[in-house]
Structures are given as structure tokens and as C-alpha cells.
Amino acid sequence: MSKNKNKDPSSALKVGEVVREKAPSDKEKAEGRSSTEKEKKEQTFLEKVPAELGAKAKDATEWHDQLLRLGAEFENYKKRMQKEKSDLMKFGNESLLKALLPVVDNLERTIDHGKKKNETGSLLQGVEITLRQLLNILERFGVKPVAAVGEAFDPEKHEAVSQVESDQEPDRVISELEKGYLFHERLLRPAKVFVSKA
């Protein structure tokens, strides 16, 4: 008992405090657990961040590529529409001009027939003037005759009606039944021709 009396009450208090520090209360235990849980959550969140950033970067790259492709497709579309528009303006009269070609053929036949009959009247001269005017109009719109007689047979410009034995080299156009025409370097109508054979 004398030993207990000699002890300072403040030292007993300190011992109690030390004991309390070593054995935390339930509240402190709960706070300790929650802080370790927070640390674990923060660690798992920090571990997830690089993966999520990588996924987002991949998504952003894919969206960027898709945007670039869409931009390129739109530019191609604009160019295609521009070309179609210019082609429409350039070749829009094609069917009308093609429909006029039989009229040209008939005027040429009329002139040939008149010359064979040795007619020199004003009617024949009027038809010749009309034909020249019509050919000038067609030329102004880009229609030009296809060269045929004496040329080598070209299936892209000539349509062979028949082959004729001739002293000329084979596959040469020897005569023309119907003239062919180009429209802005595009074939409007092939020339119907007789081709030589050996």
C-alpha cells in the first residue's frame, strides 16, 4: 500500500492514457477502419484512372479518325456533285443534238441527189445554206463529225455495216453510209461504214 501512495496521480493518468492509446475505443476502431477503406478505395481509383484514361484516349482517337473520314467523304461528295453538275451543263443538250442528226443526214442526201441530177437552182442553194447553218450551230455546241473514209477501222468510233473486197489494205474504211459525230470528245453517234477486206 505504501507503494501505491508514493505514486503520483498524474503518472497513473499517463498510464491510463497510454493504455487507451494501445487499446482504442470502438469509435476509434471504426474511424481507423474507415480510413483504411478510404485509402484502399483511393488506391483502386488511382489504379483505374490510367486504364480509363487509355480507354477514353482510344475513343477520342476513333472519333477523330471517323471525323476525318467523314470530312474526306464530304469533300469527295462535293467534288462528285460539282463534276456531275458540270457534266449536266456540258452534256445536257445531248439528246436534243442527237435528235437533230437525222435532219442533217436528210439535208445532205437532198444535196447529193440534187447534184446527181445536175440541179443548180435556188432550191438546192437554199438547202445547202440551211445545212451549213445547222452544222455551224451544232459545232458551236461542241458537235463535230468523226473522221471515217480512209481511216483505219476503229470500233469505238465506227460501226461496220459490211465488209467489201478491196485493193486497199484490210480493215480500212472505204465508204460511209452515215456520218458519225462526237459531242465534246464523247461519241454521240458512231459512223456507219463499209470496211475493206483482203
N, C-alpha and C. Protein backbone atom coordinates (compact mmCIF):
# COMPACT_ATOMS: atom_id res chain seq x y z
N MET A 1 0.81 -1.19 0.00
CA MET A 1 0.00 0.00 0.00
C MET A 1 0.83 1.23 0.00
N SER A 2 1.93 1.11 0.61
CA SER A 2 2.80 2.28 0.64
C SER A 2 3.31 2.60 -0.73
N LYS A 3 3.42 1.55 -1.53
CA LYS A 3 3.90 1.79 -2.89
C LYS A 3 2.86 2.57 -3.68
N ASN A 4 1.58 2.27 -3.48
CA ASN A 4 0.52 2.96 -4.20
C ASN A 4 0.43 4.41 -3.76
N LYS A 5 0.71 4.64 -2.51
CA LYS A 5 0.64 6.00 -2.02
C LYS A 5 1.74 6.84 -2.61
N ASN A 6 2.88 6.27 -2.79
CA ASN A 6 4.02 7.02 -3.32
C ASN A 6 3.81 7.41 -4.78
N LYS A 7 2.94 6.73 -5.48
CA LYS A 7 2.77 7.03 -6.92
C LYS A 7 2.06 8.33 -7.09
N ASP A 8 2.52 9.02 -8.03
CA ASP A 8 1.95 10.31 -8.40
C ASP A 8 0.65 10.07 -9.16
N PRO A 9 -0.45 10.78 -8.81
CA PRO A 9 -1.70 10.54 -9.54
C PRO A 9 -1.57 10.93 -11.01
N SER A 10 -0.71 11.87 -11.31
CA SER A 10 -0.56 12.25 -12.73
C SER A 10 0.09 11.14 -13.52
N SER A 11 0.98 10.36 -12.86
CA SER A 11 1.60 9.25 -13.57
C SER A 11 0.57 8.16 -13.84
N ALA A 12 -0.38 7.96 -12.92
CA ALA A 12 -1.43 6.97 -13.17
C ALA A 12 -2.29 7.40 -14.33
N LEU A 13 -2.49 8.67 -14.43
CA LEU A 13 -3.27 9.20 -15.55
C LEU A 13 -2.56 8.95 -16.86
N LYS A 14 -1.25 9.13 -16.78
CA LYS A 14 -0.47 8.91 -18.00
C LYS A 14 -0.51 7.44 -18.38
N VAL A 15 -0.46 6.61 -17.41
CA VAL A 15 -0.51 5.18 -17.71
C VAL A 15 -1.85 4.85 -18.33
N GLY A 16 -2.89 5.43 -17.80
CA GLY A 16 -4.22 5.20 -18.37
C GLY A 16 -4.32 5.68 -19.81
N GLU A 17 -3.69 6.82 -20.03
CA GLU A 17 -3.70 7.33 -21.40
C GLU A 17 -2.94 6.42 -22.32
N VAL A 18 -1.82 5.95 -21.85
CA VAL A 18 -1.01 5.04 -22.67
C VAL A 18 -1.82 3.78 -22.96
N VAL A 19 -2.52 3.30 -21.96
CA VAL A 19 -3.33 2.12 -22.16
C VAL A 19 -4.42 2.41 -23.19
N ARG A 20 -5.01 3.61 -23.13
CA ARG A 20 -6.05 3.97 -24.05
C ARG A 20 -5.50 4.04 -25.48
N GLU A 21 -4.29 4.53 -25.60
CA GLU A 21 -3.69 4.61 -26.94
C GLU A 21 -3.45 3.21 -27.49
N LYS A 22 -3.07 2.31 -26.63
CA LYS A 22 -2.80 0.96 -27.09
C LYS A 22 -4.09 0.22 -27.39
N ALA A 23 -5.13 0.50 -26.66
CA ALA A 23 -6.40 -0.16 -26.89
C ALA A 23 -7.44 0.89 -27.27
N PRO A 24 -7.60 1.17 -28.55
CA PRO A 24 -8.53 2.22 -28.96
C PRO A 24 -9.97 1.82 -28.69
N SER A 25 -10.77 2.85 -28.55
CA SER A 25 -12.18 2.61 -28.32
C SER A 25 -12.84 2.13 -29.62
N ASP A 26 -14.12 1.74 -29.49
CA ASP A 26 -14.85 1.26 -30.67
C ASP A 26 -14.96 2.35 -31.74
N LYS A 27 -15.12 3.57 -31.24
CA LYS A 27 -15.22 4.69 -32.17
C LYS A 27 -13.93 4.87 -32.95
N GLU A 28 -12.83 4.77 -32.24
CA GLU A 28 -11.54 4.91 -32.90
C GLU A 28 -11.29 3.76 -33.85
N LYS A 29 -11.71 2.56 -33.43
CA LYS A 29 -11.57 1.39 -34.32
C LYS A 29 -12.34 1.61 -35.61
N ALA A 30 -13.56 2.12 -35.48
CA ALA A 30 -14.38 2.37 -36.66
C ALA A 30 -13.75 3.42 -37.56
N GLU A 31 -13.22 4.49 -36.93
CA GLU A 31 -12.55 5.54 -37.72
C GLU A 31 -11.32 4.99 -38.41
N GLY A 32 -10.59 4.11 -37.72
CA GLY A 32 -9.39 3.50 -38.31
C GLY A 32 -9.75 2.64 -39.50
N ARG A 33 -10.82 1.86 -39.35
CA ARG A 33 -11.27 1.02 -40.45
C ARG A 33 -11.71 1.85 -41.65
N SER A 34 -12.46 2.93 -41.35
CA SER A 34 -12.94 3.76 -42.45
C SER A 34 -11.79 4.45 -43.18
N SER A 35 -10.74 4.83 -42.44
CA SER A 35 -9.61 5.48 -43.10
C SER A 35 -8.85 4.48 -43.97
N THR A 36 -8.72 3.24 -43.53
CA THR A 36 -8.04 2.24 -44.38
C THR A 36 -8.91 1.89 -45.59
N GLU A 37 -10.21 1.86 -45.40
CA GLU A 37 -11.11 1.62 -46.53
C GLU A 37 -11.00 2.76 -47.54
N LYS A 38 -10.92 4.00 -47.01
CA LYS A 38 -10.75 5.15 -47.91
C LYS A 38 -9.45 5.04 -48.70
N GLU A 39 -8.40 4.65 -47.99
CA GLU A 39 -7.10 4.51 -48.66
C GLU A 39 -7.17 3.43 -49.73
N LYS A 40 -7.83 2.32 -49.42
CA LYS A 40 -7.98 1.25 -50.41
C LYS A 40 -8.79 1.72 -51.61
N LYS A 41 -9.88 2.46 -51.33
CA LYS A 41 -10.71 2.98 -52.42
C LYS A 41 -9.91 3.95 -53.28
N GLU A 42 -9.14 4.80 -52.61
CA GLU A 42 -8.31 5.74 -53.37
C GLU A 42 -7.28 5.01 -54.20
N GLN A 43 -6.70 3.95 -53.66
CA GLN A 43 -5.71 3.18 -54.41
C GLN A 43 -6.36 2.52 -55.62
N THR A 44 -7.52 1.88 -55.41
CA THR A 44 -8.19 1.23 -56.54
C THR A 44 -8.63 2.26 -57.57
N PHE A 45 -9.09 3.44 -57.12
CA PHE A 45 -9.47 4.52 -58.05
C PHE A 45 -8.26 4.97 -58.85
N LEU A 46 -7.13 5.16 -58.14
CA LEU A 46 -5.91 5.59 -58.82
C LEU A 46 -5.40 4.52 -59.78
N GLU A 47 -5.64 3.26 -59.44
CA GLU A 47 -5.26 2.19 -60.35
C GLU A 47 -6.15 2.17 -61.58
N LYS A 48 -7.42 2.51 -61.41
CA LYS A 48 -8.37 2.50 -62.53
C LYS A 48 -8.17 3.70 -63.46
N VAL A 49 -7.68 4.81 -62.95
CA VAL A 49 -7.56 6.04 -63.74
C VAL A 49 -6.75 5.85 -65.02
N PRO A 50 -5.55 5.27 -64.99
CA PRO A 50 -4.79 5.11 -66.24
C PRO A 50 -5.53 4.26 -67.27
N ALA A 51 -6.19 3.19 -66.80
CA ALA A 51 -6.94 2.34 -67.73
C ALA A 51 -8.10 3.12 -68.35
N GLU A 52 -8.82 3.87 -67.50
CA GLU A 52 -9.93 4.66 -68.02
C GLU A 52 -9.44 5.75 -68.96
N LEU A 53 -8.31 6.38 -68.61
CA LEU A 53 -7.75 7.39 -69.50
C LEU A 53 -7.34 6.78 -70.83
N GLY A 54 -6.75 5.60 -70.79
CA GLY A 54 -6.38 4.89 -72.02
C GLY A 54 -7.59 4.60 -72.88
N ALA A 55 -8.68 4.14 -72.24
CA ALA A 55 -9.91 3.85 -72.97
C ALA A 55 -10.49 5.12 -73.59
N LYS A 56 -10.49 6.20 -72.81
CA LYS A 56 -11.01 7.48 -73.32
C LYS A 56 -10.14 8.01 -74.46
N ALA A 57 -8.83 7.85 -74.34
CA ALA A 57 -7.93 8.28 -75.41
C ALA A 57 -8.18 7.48 -76.68
N LYS A 58 -8.42 6.17 -76.51
CA LYS A 58 -8.73 5.32 -77.67
C LYS A 58 -10.04 5.76 -78.32
N ASP A 59 -11.05 6.03 -77.49
CA ASP A 59 -12.33 6.53 -78.02
C ASP A 59 -12.14 7.84 -78.76
N ALA A 60 -11.36 8.74 -78.17
CA ALA A 60 -11.13 10.04 -78.81
C ALA A 60 -10.42 9.86 -80.15
N THR A 61 -9.46 8.94 -80.22
CA THR A 61 -8.75 8.67 -81.47
C THR A 61 -9.71 8.12 -82.51
N GLU A 62 -10.58 7.19 -82.09
CA GLU A 62 -11.56 6.62 -83.03
C GLU A 62 -12.52 7.69 -83.55
N TRP A 63 -13.00 8.55 -82.64
CA TRP A 63 -13.90 9.63 -83.07
C TRP A 63 -13.18 10.59 -84.01
N HIS A 64 -11.91 10.88 -83.71
CA HIS A 64 -11.13 11.78 -84.56
C HIS A 64 -10.95 11.18 -85.96
N ASP A 65 -10.62 9.88 -86.01
CA ASP A 65 -10.47 9.20 -87.30
C ASP A 65 -11.79 9.21 -88.07
N GLN A 66 -12.87 8.93 -87.35
CA GLN A 66 -14.19 8.93 -88.01
C GLN A 66 -14.53 10.32 -88.55
N LEU A 67 -14.20 11.34 -87.79
CA LEU A 67 -14.44 12.72 -88.24
C LEU A 67 -13.61 13.04 -89.47
N LEU A 68 -12.35 12.61 -89.48
CA LEU A 68 -11.51 12.83 -90.66
C LEU A 68 -12.07 12.09 -91.88
N ARG A 69 -12.52 10.85 -91.68
CA ARG A 69 -13.10 10.09 -92.80
C ARG A 69 -14.36 10.77 -93.32
N LEU A 70 -15.21 11.22 -92.39
CA LEU A 70 -16.43 11.92 -92.81
C LEU A 70 -16.10 13.20 -93.57
N GLY A 71 -15.08 13.92 -93.11
CA GLY A 71 -14.66 15.13 -93.81
C GLY A 71 -14.17 14.82 -95.21
N ALA A 72 -13.37 13.75 -95.34
CA ALA A 72 -12.87 13.35 -96.66
C ALA A 72 -14.01 12.89 -97.56
N GLU A 73 -14.94 12.12 -97.01
CA GLU A 73 -16.10 11.67 -97.79
C GLU A 73 -16.93 12.86 -98.26
N PHE A 74 -17.10 13.84 -97.39
CA PHE A 74 -17.88 15.02 -97.76
C PHE A 74 -17.18 15.81 -98.87
N GLU A 75 -15.84 15.92 -98.79
CA GLU A 75 -15.09 16.61 -99.84
C GLU A 75 -15.24 15.87 -101.17
N ASN A 76 -15.15 14.52 -101.12
CA ASN A 76 -15.33 13.72 -102.34
C ASN A 76 -16.74 13.89 -102.89
N TYR A 77 -17.72 13.93 -101.99
CA TYR A 77 -19.11 14.13 -102.41
C TYR A 77 -19.27 15.49 -103.10
N LYS A 78 -18.66 16.53 -102.52
CA LYS A 78 -18.76 17.86 -103.13
C LYS A 78 -18.12 17.88 -104.51
N LYS A 79 -16.95 17.23 -104.64
CA LYS A 79 -16.28 17.17 -105.94
C LYS A 79 -17.12 16.40 -106.95
N ARG A 80 -17.69 15.27 -106.49
CA ARG A 80 -18.53 14.47 -107.39
C ARG A 80 -19.76 15.25 -107.85
N MET A 81 -20.39 15.97 -106.91
CA MET A 81 -21.55 16.77 -107.27
C MET A 81 -21.18 17.90 -108.24
N GLN A 82 -20.00 18.49 -108.02
CA GLN A 82 -19.53 19.55 -108.91
C GLN A 82 -19.30 19.00 -110.31
N LYS A 83 -18.69 17.79 -110.38
CA LYS A 83 -18.43 17.17 -111.69
C LYS A 83 -19.75 16.83 -112.37
N GLU A 84 -20.69 16.25 -111.61
CA GLU A 84 -21.99 15.91 -112.19
C GLU A 84 -22.71 17.16 -112.68
N LYS A 85 -22.60 18.23 -111.94
CA LYS A 85 -23.23 19.49 -112.34
C LYS A 85 -22.61 20.02 -113.63
N SER A 86 -21.26 19.99 -113.69
CA SER A 86 -20.61 20.49 -114.90
C SER A 86 -20.91 19.57 -116.09
N ASP A 87 -20.96 18.23 -115.85
CA ASP A 87 -21.31 17.30 -116.92
C ASP A 87 -22.74 17.53 -117.40
N LEU A 88 -23.63 17.80 -116.45
CA LEU A 88 -25.02 18.05 -116.81
C LEU A 88 -25.12 19.31 -117.67
N MET A 89 -24.37 20.34 -117.29
CA MET A 89 -24.39 21.57 -118.09
C MET A 89 -23.73 21.33 -119.45
N LYS A 90 -22.67 20.52 -119.46
CA LYS A 90 -21.92 20.29 -120.70
C LYS A 90 -22.68 19.37 -121.65
N PHE A 91 -23.26 18.29 -121.10
CA PHE A 91 -23.90 17.28 -121.93
C PHE A 91 -25.43 17.29 -121.83
N GLY A 92 -25.99 18.33 -121.26
CA GLY A 92 -27.44 18.39 -121.08
C GLY A 92 -28.22 18.40 -122.38
N ASN A 93 -27.62 18.93 -123.43
CA ASN A 93 -28.30 19.02 -124.74
C ASN A 93 -28.08 17.79 -125.60
N GLU A 94 -27.44 16.78 -125.06
CA GLU A 94 -27.04 15.62 -125.87
C GLU A 94 -28.20 14.99 -126.61
N SER A 95 -29.30 14.75 -125.93
CA SER A 95 -30.44 14.07 -126.59
C SER A 95 -31.04 14.95 -127.69
N LEU A 96 -31.10 16.26 -127.46
CA LEU A 96 -31.63 17.16 -128.49
C LEU A 96 -30.72 17.17 -129.72
N LEU A 97 -29.41 17.27 -129.47
CA LEU A 97 -28.47 17.30 -130.59
C LEU A 97 -28.47 15.98 -131.34
N LYS A 98 -28.61 14.88 -130.64
CA LYS A 98 -28.67 13.56 -131.28
C LYS A 98 -29.93 13.46 -132.14
N ALA A 99 -31.02 14.05 -131.68
CA ALA A 99 -32.27 14.02 -132.45
C ALA A 99 -32.18 14.86 -133.73
N LEU A 100 -31.27 15.85 -133.75
CA LEU A 100 -31.12 16.69 -134.95
C LEU A 100 -30.26 16.03 -136.04
N LEU A 101 -29.50 15.02 -135.68
CA LEU A 101 -28.59 14.39 -136.65
C LEU A 101 -29.31 13.78 -137.85
N PRO A 102 -30.45 13.11 -137.70
CA PRO A 102 -31.15 12.61 -138.89
C PRO A 102 -31.58 13.74 -139.84
N VAL A 103 -31.87 14.92 -139.29
CA VAL A 103 -32.22 16.08 -140.14
C VAL A 103 -31.00 16.46 -140.99
N VAL A 104 -29.82 16.47 -140.36
CA VAL A 104 -28.58 16.76 -141.09
C VAL A 104 -28.38 15.73 -142.18
N ASP A 105 -28.60 14.43 -141.85
CA ASP A 105 -28.44 13.36 -142.84
C ASP A 105 -29.36 13.58 -144.03
N ASN A 106 -30.61 13.92 -143.76
CA ASN A 106 -31.58 14.13 -144.85
C ASN A 106 -31.22 15.33 -145.71
N LEU A 107 -30.74 16.39 -145.11
CA LEU A 107 -30.33 17.56 -145.90
C LEU A 107 -29.12 17.20 -146.79
N GLU A 108 -28.19 16.43 -146.24
CA GLU A 108 -27.03 16.00 -147.04
C GLU A 108 -27.47 15.11 -148.20
N ARG A 109 -28.41 14.20 -147.95
CA ARG A 109 -28.92 13.32 -149.02
C ARG A 109 -29.63 14.14 -150.09
N THR A 110 -30.36 15.15 -149.66
CA THR A 110 -31.07 16.01 -150.63
C THR A 110 -30.06 16.72 -151.53
N ILE A 111 -29.01 17.24 -150.95
CA ILE A 111 -27.97 17.94 -151.72
C ILE A 111 -27.28 16.96 -152.67
N ASP A 112 -26.93 15.76 -152.19
CA ASP A 112 -26.29 14.75 -153.05
C ASP A 112 -27.19 14.37 -154.22
N HIS A 113 -28.47 14.18 -153.96
CA HIS A 113 -29.43 13.82 -155.00
C HIS A 113 -29.56 14.95 -156.03
N GLY A 114 -29.60 16.19 -155.53
CA GLY A 114 -29.70 17.34 -156.44
C GLY A 114 -28.47 17.46 -157.33
N LYS A 115 -27.30 17.20 -156.79
CA LYS A 115 -26.06 17.28 -157.57
C LYS A 115 -26.01 16.17 -158.62
N LYS A 116 -26.52 14.98 -158.28
CA LYS A 116 -26.55 13.88 -159.24
C LYS A 116 -27.49 14.20 -160.40
N LYS A 117 -28.53 14.95 -160.14
CA LYS A 117 -29.50 15.34 -161.17
C LYS A 117 -29.06 16.62 -161.90
N ASN A 118 -27.89 17.13 -161.52
CA ASN A 118 -27.35 18.36 -162.13
C ASN A 118 -28.26 19.57 -161.93
N GLU A 119 -28.88 19.63 -160.79
CA GLU A 119 -29.71 20.79 -160.49
C GLU A 119 -28.85 21.87 -159.88
N THR A 120 -29.06 23.08 -160.32
CA THR A 120 -28.30 24.22 -159.79
C THR A 120 -29.24 25.34 -159.34
N GLY A 121 -30.48 25.03 -159.15
CA GLY A 121 -31.49 26.04 -158.82
C GLY A 121 -31.33 26.61 -157.42
N SER A 122 -32.16 27.60 -157.17
CA SER A 122 -32.11 28.29 -155.88
C SER A 122 -32.58 27.39 -154.74
N LEU A 123 -33.41 26.40 -155.05
CA LEU A 123 -33.88 25.48 -154.01
C LEU A 123 -32.71 24.69 -153.45
N LEU A 124 -31.85 24.19 -154.33
CA LEU A 124 -30.68 23.43 -153.89
C LEU A 124 -29.73 24.32 -153.09
N GLN A 125 -29.56 25.56 -153.54
CA GLN A 125 -28.69 26.51 -152.81
C GLN A 125 -29.27 26.81 -151.42
N GLY A 126 -30.57 26.92 -151.33
CA GLY A 126 -31.22 27.16 -150.04
C GLY A 126 -31.01 26.00 -149.07
N VAL A 127 -31.09 24.79 -149.61
CA VAL A 127 -30.86 23.61 -148.76
C VAL A 127 -29.40 23.58 -148.29
N GLU A 128 -28.47 23.92 -149.17
CA GLU A 128 -27.05 23.96 -148.79
C GLU A 128 -26.79 24.99 -147.70
N ILE A 129 -27.42 26.17 -147.86
CA ILE A 129 -27.27 27.22 -146.84
C ILE A 129 -27.85 26.75 -145.50
N THR A 130 -29.02 26.10 -145.55
CA THR A 130 -29.65 25.59 -144.33
C THR A 130 -28.77 24.55 -143.65
N LEU A 131 -28.18 23.66 -144.46
CA LEU A 131 -27.30 22.64 -143.90
C LEU A 131 -26.07 23.28 -143.25
N ARG A 132 -25.47 24.25 -143.91
CA ARG A 132 -24.28 24.93 -143.33
C ARG A 132 -24.63 25.60 -142.00
N GLN A 133 -25.78 26.27 -141.96
CA GLN A 133 -26.20 26.93 -140.72
C GLN A 133 -26.40 25.90 -139.59
N LEU A 134 -27.04 24.80 -139.93
CA LEU A 134 -27.29 23.77 -138.92
C LEU A 134 -25.97 23.16 -138.43
N LEU A 135 -25.03 22.91 -139.35
CA LEU A 135 -23.73 22.37 -138.95
C LEU A 135 -22.95 23.37 -138.10
N ASN A 136 -23.05 24.67 -138.41
CA ASN A 136 -22.39 25.70 -137.59
C ASN A 136 -22.96 25.74 -136.18
N ILE A 137 -24.27 25.62 -136.08
CA ILE A 137 -24.92 25.61 -134.75
C ILE A 137 -24.47 24.39 -133.95
N LEU A 138 -24.46 23.23 -134.63
CA LEU A 138 -24.02 22.01 -133.94
C LEU A 138 -22.57 22.13 -133.47
N GLU A 139 -21.72 22.71 -134.34
CA GLU A 139 -20.31 22.87 -133.97
C GLU A 139 -20.15 23.83 -132.80
N ARG A 140 -20.97 24.88 -132.78
CA ARG A 140 -20.92 25.84 -131.68
C ARG A 140 -21.26 25.17 -130.34
N PHE A 141 -22.10 24.15 -130.39
CA PHE A 141 -22.47 23.41 -129.17
C PHE A 141 -21.55 22.22 -128.90
N GLY A 142 -20.48 22.06 -129.70
CA GLY A 142 -19.48 21.02 -129.44
C GLY A 142 -19.63 19.75 -130.23
N VAL A 143 -20.49 19.76 -131.28
CA VAL A 143 -20.68 18.57 -132.09
C VAL A 143 -19.78 18.66 -133.32
N LYS A 144 -18.96 17.61 -133.51
CA LYS A 144 -18.04 17.56 -134.65
C LYS A 144 -18.15 16.21 -135.34
N PRO A 145 -18.00 16.18 -136.68
CA PRO A 145 -18.07 14.89 -137.37
C PRO A 145 -16.85 14.01 -137.07
N VAL A 146 -17.07 12.71 -137.09
CA VAL A 146 -16.00 11.72 -136.88
C VAL A 146 -15.34 11.47 -138.23
N ALA A 147 -14.00 11.51 -138.26
CA ALA A 147 -13.27 11.17 -139.49
C ALA A 147 -13.46 9.69 -139.76
N ALA A 148 -13.79 9.35 -141.02
CA ALA A 148 -14.07 7.94 -141.30
C ALA A 148 -13.36 7.46 -142.57
N VAL A 149 -13.70 8.00 -143.74
CA VAL A 149 -13.21 7.48 -145.02
C VAL A 149 -11.69 7.59 -145.08
N GLY A 150 -11.05 6.43 -145.39
CA GLY A 150 -9.59 6.39 -145.48
C GLY A 150 -8.91 6.07 -144.15
N GLU A 151 -9.65 6.13 -143.07
CA GLU A 151 -9.08 5.86 -141.73
C GLU A 151 -9.10 4.35 -141.45
N ALA A 152 -8.26 3.94 -140.53
CA ALA A 152 -8.31 2.56 -140.05
C ALA A 152 -9.60 2.38 -139.25
N PHE A 153 -10.20 1.20 -139.40
CA PHE A 153 -11.45 0.94 -138.69
C PHE A 153 -11.23 0.98 -137.18
N ASP A 154 -12.02 1.80 -136.49
CA ASP A 154 -11.94 1.94 -135.04
C ASP A 154 -13.32 1.60 -134.46
N PRO A 155 -13.45 0.45 -133.78
CA PRO A 155 -14.78 0.06 -133.28
C PRO A 155 -15.37 1.01 -132.26
N GLU A 156 -14.55 1.90 -131.70
CA GLU A 156 -15.08 2.87 -130.74
C GLU A 156 -15.73 4.05 -131.45
N LYS A 157 -15.39 4.26 -132.73
CA LYS A 157 -15.96 5.39 -133.46
C LYS A 157 -16.77 4.97 -134.69
N HIS A 158 -16.51 3.77 -135.17
CA HIS A 158 -17.14 3.30 -136.40
C HIS A 158 -18.00 2.07 -136.12
N GLU A 159 -19.07 1.96 -136.89
CA GLU A 159 -19.92 0.77 -136.85
C GLU A 159 -19.90 0.18 -138.24
N ALA A 160 -19.36 -1.03 -138.37
CA ALA A 160 -19.22 -1.66 -139.69
C ALA A 160 -20.56 -2.20 -140.14
N VAL A 161 -20.99 -1.73 -141.31
CA VAL A 161 -22.23 -2.22 -141.91
C VAL A 161 -21.92 -3.49 -142.69
N SER A 162 -20.80 -3.46 -143.42
CA SER A 162 -20.43 -4.61 -144.24
C SER A 162 -18.95 -4.54 -144.56
N GLN A 163 -18.38 -5.71 -144.94
CA GLN A 163 -17.01 -5.75 -145.41
C GLN A 163 -17.05 -5.91 -146.92
N VAL A 164 -16.18 -5.16 -147.59
CA VAL A 164 -16.16 -5.16 -149.05
C VAL A 164 -14.76 -5.51 -149.51
N GLU A 165 -14.69 -6.40 -150.52
CA GLU A 165 -13.38 -6.72 -151.09
C GLU A 165 -12.82 -5.49 -151.76
N SER A 166 -11.53 -5.22 -151.48
CA SER A 166 -10.93 -4.00 -152.00
C SER A 166 -9.44 -4.21 -152.17
N ASP A 167 -8.84 -3.36 -153.05
CA ASP A 167 -7.39 -3.43 -153.23
C ASP A 167 -6.66 -2.64 -152.13
N GLN A 168 -7.42 -1.96 -151.28
CA GLN A 168 -6.81 -1.25 -150.14
C GLN A 168 -6.43 -2.27 -149.07
N GLU A 169 -5.60 -1.81 -148.14
CA GLU A 169 -5.22 -2.71 -147.04
C GLU A 169 -6.45 -3.07 -146.22
N PRO A 170 -6.46 -4.25 -145.61
CA PRO A 170 -7.64 -4.68 -144.85
C PRO A 170 -7.95 -3.76 -143.66
N ASP A 171 -9.20 -3.78 -143.27
CA ASP A 171 -9.70 -3.01 -142.12
C ASP A 171 -9.54 -1.50 -142.29
N ARG A 172 -9.77 -1.03 -143.49
CA ARG A 172 -9.80 0.42 -143.77
C ARG A 172 -11.24 0.79 -144.13
N VAL A 173 -11.64 1.97 -143.72
CA VAL A 173 -12.98 2.47 -144.07
C VAL A 173 -12.92 2.95 -145.51
N ILE A 174 -13.72 2.31 -146.39
CA ILE A 174 -13.68 2.71 -147.81
C ILE A 174 -14.84 3.63 -148.19
N SER A 175 -15.94 3.54 -147.47
CA SER A 175 -17.04 4.48 -147.71
C SER A 175 -17.90 4.61 -146.46
N GLU A 176 -18.72 5.64 -146.49
CA GLU A 176 -19.50 5.99 -145.30
C GLU A 176 -20.98 6.01 -145.67
N LEU A 177 -21.77 5.25 -144.95
CA LEU A 177 -23.21 5.23 -145.17
C LEU A 177 -23.88 6.35 -144.38
N GLU A 178 -23.41 6.57 -143.17
CA GLU A 178 -23.98 7.61 -142.29
C GLU A 178 -22.84 8.19 -141.45
N LYS A 179 -22.76 9.50 -141.39
CA LYS A 179 -21.68 10.15 -140.65
C LYS A 179 -21.83 9.92 -139.15
N GLY A 180 -20.68 9.83 -138.50
CA GLY A 180 -20.65 9.75 -137.05
C GLY A 180 -20.30 11.12 -136.48
N TYR A 181 -20.65 11.36 -135.22
CA TYR A 181 -20.41 12.66 -134.59
C TYR A 181 -19.91 12.48 -133.16
N LEU A 182 -19.02 13.39 -132.78
CA LEU A 182 -18.54 13.49 -131.40
C LEU A 182 -19.19 14.70 -130.74
N PHE A 183 -19.45 14.56 -129.46
CA PHE A 183 -20.01 15.67 -128.69
C PHE A 183 -19.08 15.91 -127.51
N HIS A 184 -18.29 16.98 -127.58
CA HIS A 184 -17.25 17.27 -126.57
C HIS A 184 -16.36 16.04 -126.35
N GLU A 185 -15.87 15.49 -127.43
CA GLU A 185 -14.98 14.32 -127.43
C GLU A 185 -15.66 13.04 -126.93
N ARG A 186 -16.94 13.07 -126.70
CA ARG A 186 -17.71 11.86 -126.37
C ARG A 186 -18.47 11.46 -127.62
N LEU A 187 -18.53 10.15 -127.89
CA LEU A 187 -19.19 9.69 -129.10
C LEU A 187 -20.70 9.92 -128.99
N LEU A 188 -21.21 10.73 -129.90
CA LEU A 188 -22.66 10.99 -129.93
C LEU A 188 -23.35 9.94 -130.79
N ARG A 189 -22.72 9.63 -131.93
CA ARG A 189 -23.26 8.59 -132.82
C ARG A 189 -22.09 8.01 -133.62
N PRO A 190 -21.98 6.67 -133.69
CA PRO A 190 -20.89 6.10 -134.48
C PRO A 190 -21.18 6.25 -135.98
N ALA A 191 -20.10 6.30 -136.75
CA ALA A 191 -20.25 6.36 -138.20
C ALA A 191 -20.54 4.95 -138.72
N LYS A 192 -21.55 4.85 -139.59
CA LYS A 192 -21.87 3.55 -140.21
C LYS A 192 -21.05 3.48 -141.50
N VAL A 193 -20.16 2.47 -141.56
CA VAL A 193 -19.17 2.45 -142.63
C VAL A 193 -19.05 1.08 -143.28
N PHE A 194 -18.47 1.09 -144.52
CA PHE A 194 -18.08 -0.13 -145.22
C PHE A 194 -16.59 -0.30 -145.03
N VAL A 195 -16.19 -1.49 -144.65
CA VAL A 195 -14.77 -1.74 -144.32
C VAL A 195 -14.18 -2.68 -145.37
N SER A 196 -12.91 -2.41 -145.73
CA SER A 196 -12.25 -3.23 -146.75
C SER A 196 -11.77 -4.55 -146.16
N LYS A 197 -11.79 -5.57 -147.00
CA LYS A 197 -11.20 -6.85 -146.62
C LYS A 197 -10.32 -7.33 -147.77
N ALA A 198 -9.40 -8.22 -147.48
CA ALA A 198 -8.43 -8.67 -148.49
C ALA A 198 -9.13 -9.46 -149.56
